[in-house]
N, C-alpha and C. Protein backbone atom coordinates (compact mmCIF):
# COMPACT_ATOMS: atom_id res chain seq x y z
N MET A 1 -9.44 -20.26 13.27
CA MET A 1 -10.63 -20.82 12.67
C MET A 1 -11.46 -19.74 11.96
N PHE A 2 -11.49 -18.54 12.53
CA PHE A 2 -12.24 -17.45 11.92
C PHE A 2 -11.69 -17.13 10.54
N ASP A 3 -10.37 -17.04 10.43
CA ASP A 3 -9.74 -16.74 9.15
C ASP A 3 -9.99 -17.85 8.12
N MET A 4 -9.96 -19.11 8.57
CA MET A 4 -10.25 -20.21 7.66
C MET A 4 -11.69 -20.11 7.16
N GLY A 5 -12.59 -19.69 8.03
CA GLY A 5 -13.98 -19.49 7.63
C GLY A 5 -14.11 -18.42 6.56
N ILE A 6 -13.36 -17.33 6.71
CA ILE A 6 -13.39 -16.26 5.71
C ILE A 6 -12.88 -16.77 4.37
N ILE A 7 -11.79 -17.52 4.40
CA ILE A 7 -11.22 -18.05 3.16
C ILE A 7 -12.22 -18.98 2.47
N LEU A 8 -12.75 -19.95 3.23
CA LEU A 8 -13.69 -20.90 2.64
C LEU A 8 -14.96 -20.21 2.15
N ASN A 9 -15.49 -19.28 2.93
CA ASN A 9 -16.71 -18.58 2.53
C ASN A 9 -16.51 -17.84 1.22
N ASN A 10 -15.41 -17.10 1.10
CA ASN A 10 -15.18 -16.32 -0.12
C ASN A 10 -14.96 -17.21 -1.33
N LEU A 11 -14.12 -18.23 -1.20
CA LEU A 11 -13.82 -19.09 -2.34
C LEU A 11 -15.04 -19.89 -2.78
N LEU A 12 -15.78 -20.43 -1.82
CA LEU A 12 -16.95 -21.23 -2.19
C LEU A 12 -18.09 -20.36 -2.70
N ASP A 13 -18.24 -19.17 -2.16
CA ASP A 13 -19.25 -18.24 -2.66
C ASP A 13 -18.97 -17.90 -4.13
N ASN A 14 -17.70 -17.62 -4.45
CA ASN A 14 -17.33 -17.32 -5.83
C ASN A 14 -17.58 -18.52 -6.74
N ALA A 15 -17.23 -19.72 -6.26
CA ALA A 15 -17.41 -20.93 -7.07
C ALA A 15 -18.89 -21.20 -7.33
N ILE A 16 -19.72 -21.02 -6.32
CA ILE A 16 -21.16 -21.24 -6.48
C ILE A 16 -21.73 -20.23 -7.47
N GLU A 17 -21.34 -18.97 -7.32
CA GLU A 17 -21.82 -17.93 -8.25
C GLU A 17 -21.44 -18.26 -9.69
N ALA A 18 -20.21 -18.73 -9.89
CA ALA A 18 -19.76 -19.08 -11.25
C ALA A 18 -20.58 -20.24 -11.81
N CYS A 19 -20.85 -21.24 -10.99
CA CYS A 19 -21.61 -22.41 -11.45
C CYS A 19 -23.07 -22.06 -11.74
N GLU A 20 -23.62 -21.10 -11.02
CA GLU A 20 -25.01 -20.70 -11.25
C GLU A 20 -25.20 -20.06 -12.62
N LYS A 21 -24.14 -19.58 -13.23
CA LYS A 21 -24.23 -18.96 -14.55
C LYS A 21 -24.21 -19.98 -15.68
N LEU A 22 -23.99 -21.24 -15.35
CA LEU A 22 -23.90 -22.30 -16.35
C LEU A 22 -25.23 -23.02 -16.50
N GLU A 23 -25.35 -23.79 -17.58
CA GLU A 23 -26.53 -24.62 -17.77
C GLU A 23 -26.62 -25.64 -16.64
N PRO A 24 -27.83 -25.99 -16.22
CA PRO A 24 -27.98 -26.99 -15.17
C PRO A 24 -27.23 -28.28 -15.51
N GLY A 25 -26.52 -28.81 -14.53
CA GLY A 25 -25.77 -30.05 -14.71
C GLY A 25 -24.37 -29.86 -15.26
N LYS A 26 -24.00 -28.65 -15.65
CA LYS A 26 -22.67 -28.40 -16.22
C LYS A 26 -21.65 -27.93 -15.19
N GLY A 27 -22.12 -27.49 -14.03
CA GLY A 27 -21.23 -26.93 -13.03
C GLY A 27 -20.68 -27.97 -12.07
N PHE A 28 -19.49 -27.71 -11.56
CA PHE A 28 -18.92 -28.55 -10.51
C PHE A 28 -18.01 -27.70 -9.63
N ILE A 29 -17.84 -28.16 -8.40
CA ILE A 29 -16.93 -27.54 -7.45
C ILE A 29 -16.18 -28.66 -6.75
N ARG A 30 -14.85 -28.53 -6.70
CA ARG A 30 -14.02 -29.48 -5.97
C ARG A 30 -13.24 -28.72 -4.90
N LEU A 31 -13.28 -29.23 -3.69
CA LEU A 31 -12.55 -28.63 -2.58
C LEU A 31 -11.62 -29.69 -2.01
N THR A 32 -10.33 -29.37 -1.92
CA THR A 32 -9.37 -30.28 -1.30
C THR A 32 -8.52 -29.53 -0.30
N LEU A 33 -8.19 -30.20 0.77
CA LEU A 33 -7.28 -29.70 1.79
C LEU A 33 -6.21 -30.76 1.99
N LYS A 34 -4.96 -30.35 2.01
CA LYS A 34 -3.91 -31.31 2.29
C LYS A 34 -2.70 -30.61 2.89
N ARG A 35 -1.95 -31.38 3.64
CA ARG A 35 -0.70 -30.88 4.19
C ARG A 35 0.43 -31.28 3.27
N LYS A 36 1.33 -30.35 3.07
CA LYS A 36 2.54 -30.63 2.30
C LYS A 36 3.69 -29.99 3.06
N LYS A 37 4.47 -30.86 3.70
CA LYS A 37 5.54 -30.41 4.61
C LYS A 37 4.94 -29.49 5.66
N GLN A 38 5.41 -28.26 5.76
CA GLN A 38 4.92 -27.36 6.82
C GLN A 38 3.77 -26.48 6.37
N PHE A 39 3.12 -26.82 5.26
CA PHE A 39 2.05 -25.97 4.74
C PHE A 39 0.72 -26.72 4.64
N LEU A 40 -0.35 -25.96 4.80
CA LEU A 40 -1.70 -26.43 4.49
C LEU A 40 -2.03 -25.86 3.13
N LEU A 41 -2.45 -26.72 2.22
CA LEU A 41 -2.86 -26.30 0.88
C LEU A 41 -4.36 -26.51 0.75
N LEU A 42 -5.06 -25.43 0.46
CA LEU A 42 -6.50 -25.47 0.24
C LEU A 42 -6.71 -25.16 -1.24
N ASN A 43 -7.36 -26.07 -1.93
CA ASN A 43 -7.56 -25.89 -3.36
C ASN A 43 -9.05 -25.94 -3.69
N VAL A 44 -9.50 -24.93 -4.43
CA VAL A 44 -10.89 -24.92 -4.92
C VAL A 44 -10.83 -24.84 -6.44
N GLU A 45 -11.50 -25.78 -7.08
CA GLU A 45 -11.63 -25.79 -8.54
C GLU A 45 -13.11 -25.75 -8.86
N ASN A 46 -13.45 -24.97 -9.86
CA ASN A 46 -14.85 -24.93 -10.28
C ASN A 46 -14.95 -24.61 -11.76
N SER A 47 -16.05 -25.06 -12.33
CA SER A 47 -16.34 -24.72 -13.71
C SER A 47 -16.85 -23.30 -13.75
N PHE A 48 -16.71 -22.64 -14.91
CA PHE A 48 -17.21 -21.28 -15.07
C PHE A 48 -17.45 -21.02 -16.54
N ASP A 49 -17.94 -19.84 -16.85
CA ASP A 49 -18.35 -19.53 -18.23
C ASP A 49 -17.21 -19.06 -19.13
N ASP A 50 -15.97 -19.30 -18.71
CA ASP A 50 -14.80 -19.02 -19.55
C ASP A 50 -14.54 -17.53 -19.72
N ALA A 51 -15.04 -16.69 -18.80
CA ALA A 51 -14.83 -15.24 -18.90
C ALA A 51 -14.29 -14.71 -17.58
N VAL A 52 -12.98 -14.68 -17.45
CA VAL A 52 -12.35 -14.15 -16.25
C VAL A 52 -11.31 -13.12 -16.67
N PRO A 53 -11.72 -11.86 -16.75
CA PRO A 53 -10.75 -10.84 -17.13
C PRO A 53 -9.84 -10.50 -15.96
N ILE A 54 -8.55 -10.43 -16.19
CA ILE A 54 -7.61 -9.98 -15.17
C ILE A 54 -6.96 -8.72 -15.70
N SER A 55 -7.11 -7.65 -14.93
CA SER A 55 -6.59 -6.36 -15.35
C SER A 55 -5.07 -6.35 -15.33
N LYS A 56 -4.48 -5.55 -16.21
CA LYS A 56 -3.04 -5.41 -16.23
C LYS A 56 -2.59 -4.83 -14.90
N GLY A 57 -1.53 -5.41 -14.35
CA GLY A 57 -1.01 -4.92 -13.08
C GLY A 57 -1.70 -5.50 -11.86
N SER A 58 -2.69 -6.37 -12.07
CA SER A 58 -3.40 -6.99 -10.96
C SER A 58 -3.29 -8.50 -11.09
N SER A 59 -3.18 -9.17 -9.97
CA SER A 59 -3.13 -10.64 -9.98
C SER A 59 -4.49 -11.25 -9.69
N LEU A 60 -5.48 -10.40 -9.42
CA LEU A 60 -6.81 -10.89 -9.08
C LEU A 60 -7.84 -10.40 -10.09
N PRO A 61 -8.79 -11.26 -10.46
CA PRO A 61 -9.85 -10.81 -11.37
C PRO A 61 -10.78 -9.84 -10.66
N PRO A 62 -11.36 -8.90 -11.41
CA PRO A 62 -12.30 -7.95 -10.80
C PRO A 62 -13.63 -8.63 -10.50
N THR A 63 -14.41 -8.01 -9.64
CA THR A 63 -15.71 -8.57 -9.29
C THR A 63 -16.69 -8.48 -10.47
N THR A 64 -17.62 -9.41 -10.50
CA THR A 64 -18.72 -9.35 -11.46
C THR A 64 -20.03 -9.10 -10.73
N LYS A 65 -19.95 -8.92 -9.41
CA LYS A 65 -21.15 -8.70 -8.60
C LYS A 65 -21.60 -7.26 -8.75
N GLN A 66 -22.90 -7.07 -8.82
CA GLN A 66 -23.48 -5.74 -8.95
C GLN A 66 -24.09 -5.32 -7.63
N SER A 67 -23.92 -4.08 -7.28
CA SER A 67 -24.53 -3.53 -6.08
C SER A 67 -26.02 -3.34 -6.33
N ILE A 68 -26.83 -3.66 -5.31
CA ILE A 68 -28.27 -3.44 -5.45
C ILE A 68 -28.63 -1.99 -5.16
N LEU A 69 -27.66 -1.22 -4.66
CA LEU A 69 -27.88 0.19 -4.37
C LEU A 69 -26.87 1.02 -5.16
N PRO A 70 -27.22 1.44 -6.38
CA PRO A 70 -26.28 2.20 -7.21
C PRO A 70 -25.76 3.44 -6.49
N GLY A 71 -24.46 3.68 -6.67
CA GLY A 71 -23.84 4.86 -6.07
C GLY A 71 -23.37 4.64 -4.65
N ILE A 72 -23.72 3.51 -4.06
CA ILE A 72 -23.27 3.22 -2.69
C ILE A 72 -22.25 2.10 -2.77
N ILE A 73 -21.10 2.34 -2.18
CA ILE A 73 -20.03 1.35 -2.23
C ILE A 73 -20.40 0.18 -1.33
N MET A 74 -20.37 -1.00 -1.91
CA MET A 74 -20.65 -2.21 -1.17
C MET A 74 -19.36 -3.01 -1.07
N GLU A 75 -19.35 -4.04 -0.24
CA GLU A 75 -18.15 -4.83 -0.07
C GLU A 75 -18.09 -5.96 -1.09
N HIS A 76 -18.56 -5.73 -2.29
CA HIS A 76 -18.44 -6.72 -3.34
C HIS A 76 -17.07 -6.60 -3.97
N GLY A 77 -16.49 -7.74 -4.33
CA GLY A 77 -15.24 -7.71 -5.06
C GLY A 77 -14.00 -7.68 -4.20
N ILE A 78 -14.16 -7.78 -2.89
CA ILE A 78 -12.98 -7.78 -2.04
C ILE A 78 -12.69 -9.17 -1.48
N GLY A 79 -13.46 -10.16 -1.88
CA GLY A 79 -13.30 -11.52 -1.37
C GLY A 79 -11.94 -12.11 -1.63
N LEU A 80 -11.48 -12.08 -2.89
CA LEU A 80 -10.17 -12.63 -3.20
C LEU A 80 -9.05 -11.81 -2.58
N GLU A 81 -9.26 -10.51 -2.45
CA GLU A 81 -8.27 -9.67 -1.76
C GLU A 81 -8.18 -10.08 -0.29
N ASN A 82 -9.33 -10.33 0.34
CA ASN A 82 -9.33 -10.80 1.73
C ASN A 82 -8.61 -12.12 1.86
N VAL A 83 -8.86 -13.04 0.93
CA VAL A 83 -8.21 -14.35 0.96
C VAL A 83 -6.70 -14.17 0.85
N ARG A 84 -6.27 -13.33 -0.09
CA ARG A 84 -4.83 -13.08 -0.26
C ARG A 84 -4.23 -12.45 1.00
N ASP A 85 -4.90 -11.48 1.57
CA ASP A 85 -4.40 -10.82 2.78
C ASP A 85 -4.26 -11.80 3.94
N ILE A 86 -5.25 -12.67 4.12
CA ILE A 86 -5.19 -13.66 5.19
C ILE A 86 -4.06 -14.64 4.93
N ALA A 87 -3.92 -15.11 3.70
CA ALA A 87 -2.84 -16.05 3.37
C ALA A 87 -1.47 -15.43 3.69
N GLU A 88 -1.29 -14.18 3.33
CA GLU A 88 -0.02 -13.50 3.59
C GLU A 88 0.21 -13.34 5.10
N ARG A 89 -0.85 -13.13 5.86
CA ARG A 89 -0.74 -13.03 7.31
C ARG A 89 -0.21 -14.33 7.91
N TYR A 90 -0.51 -15.45 7.25
CA TYR A 90 -0.06 -16.76 7.69
C TYR A 90 1.16 -17.22 6.89
N PHE A 91 1.92 -16.28 6.38
CA PHE A 91 3.16 -16.52 5.64
C PHE A 91 2.96 -17.48 4.47
N GLY A 92 1.86 -17.28 3.77
CA GLY A 92 1.53 -18.10 2.61
C GLY A 92 1.21 -17.22 1.42
N GLY A 93 0.35 -17.72 0.56
CA GLY A 93 -0.02 -16.97 -0.63
C GLY A 93 -1.19 -17.60 -1.33
N VAL A 94 -1.59 -16.97 -2.44
CA VAL A 94 -2.71 -17.42 -3.26
C VAL A 94 -2.23 -17.55 -4.69
N ASN A 95 -2.59 -18.64 -5.33
CA ASN A 95 -2.26 -18.86 -6.73
C ASN A 95 -3.57 -19.09 -7.48
N ILE A 96 -3.79 -18.33 -8.54
CA ILE A 96 -5.00 -18.45 -9.35
C ILE A 96 -4.60 -18.86 -10.75
N LYS A 97 -5.26 -19.90 -11.25
CA LYS A 97 -5.01 -20.37 -12.62
C LYS A 97 -6.35 -20.60 -13.31
N VAL A 98 -6.35 -20.35 -14.59
CA VAL A 98 -7.51 -20.65 -15.42
C VAL A 98 -7.04 -21.60 -16.51
N LYS A 99 -7.68 -22.76 -16.58
CA LYS A 99 -7.37 -23.74 -17.62
C LYS A 99 -8.67 -24.10 -18.32
N GLY A 100 -8.83 -23.58 -19.52
CA GLY A 100 -10.08 -23.82 -20.25
C GLY A 100 -11.25 -23.22 -19.51
N ASP A 101 -12.20 -24.06 -19.14
CA ASP A 101 -13.38 -23.57 -18.42
C ASP A 101 -13.35 -23.98 -16.95
N VAL A 102 -12.13 -24.14 -16.41
CA VAL A 102 -11.97 -24.48 -15.00
C VAL A 102 -11.12 -23.41 -14.32
N PHE A 103 -11.65 -22.89 -13.21
CA PHE A 103 -10.98 -21.86 -12.42
C PHE A 103 -10.38 -22.54 -11.20
N HIS A 104 -9.07 -22.37 -10.97
CA HIS A 104 -8.36 -23.00 -9.86
C HIS A 104 -7.83 -21.92 -8.92
N VAL A 105 -8.09 -22.08 -7.63
CA VAL A 105 -7.50 -21.20 -6.62
C VAL A 105 -6.85 -22.09 -5.57
N THR A 106 -5.57 -21.86 -5.33
CA THR A 106 -4.85 -22.57 -4.28
C THR A 106 -4.39 -21.56 -3.24
N VAL A 107 -4.71 -21.84 -1.99
CA VAL A 107 -4.29 -21.00 -0.88
C VAL A 107 -3.31 -21.81 -0.04
N MET A 108 -2.17 -21.22 0.26
CA MET A 108 -1.15 -21.89 1.05
C MET A 108 -0.98 -21.13 2.36
N LEU A 109 -1.05 -21.87 3.47
CA LEU A 109 -0.87 -21.30 4.81
C LEU A 109 0.23 -22.08 5.52
N GLN A 110 1.11 -21.38 6.20
CA GLN A 110 2.21 -22.05 6.89
C GLN A 110 1.73 -22.68 8.19
N GLN A 111 2.10 -23.96 8.38
CA GLN A 111 1.75 -24.68 9.62
C GLN A 111 2.42 -23.99 10.80
N GLY A 112 1.77 -24.04 11.92
CA GLY A 112 2.30 -23.36 13.09
C GLY A 112 1.68 -21.98 13.22
N ARG A 113 1.26 -21.42 12.10
CA ARG A 113 0.59 -20.12 12.11
C ARG A 113 -0.92 -20.34 12.15
N TRP A 114 -1.41 -21.47 11.62
CA TRP A 114 -2.85 -21.73 11.57
C TRP A 114 -3.24 -22.87 12.51
N GLY A 115 -2.30 -23.58 13.06
CA GLY A 115 -2.64 -24.68 13.97
C GLY A 115 -1.91 -25.94 13.61
N LYS A 116 -2.11 -26.95 14.41
CA LYS A 116 -1.40 -28.24 14.17
C LYS A 116 -2.40 -29.34 13.91
């Protein structure tokens, strides 16, 4: 349950932050959970401002969060890495897609590793 909380917290925090950058009434967040055979699929879709740079050699977009204390390393930008690490611990993975102005993240966890 703790790991599921980390996954949901990071994905929903990112989705809320993305929607806050949009004009009022333009943002949306969809959360779905479903079982497919032996896997739990958690999907978060949200609107965003159409700017998600992904660096070459990386499968995750970099953080856009700014530290309030310049020069001090903060734990910003490790949310999606944490989600990926947890998914892999449960013999799953993370898939990120961008379609127009909609950001999609699907997390797959193997049943039996996360519960029944």
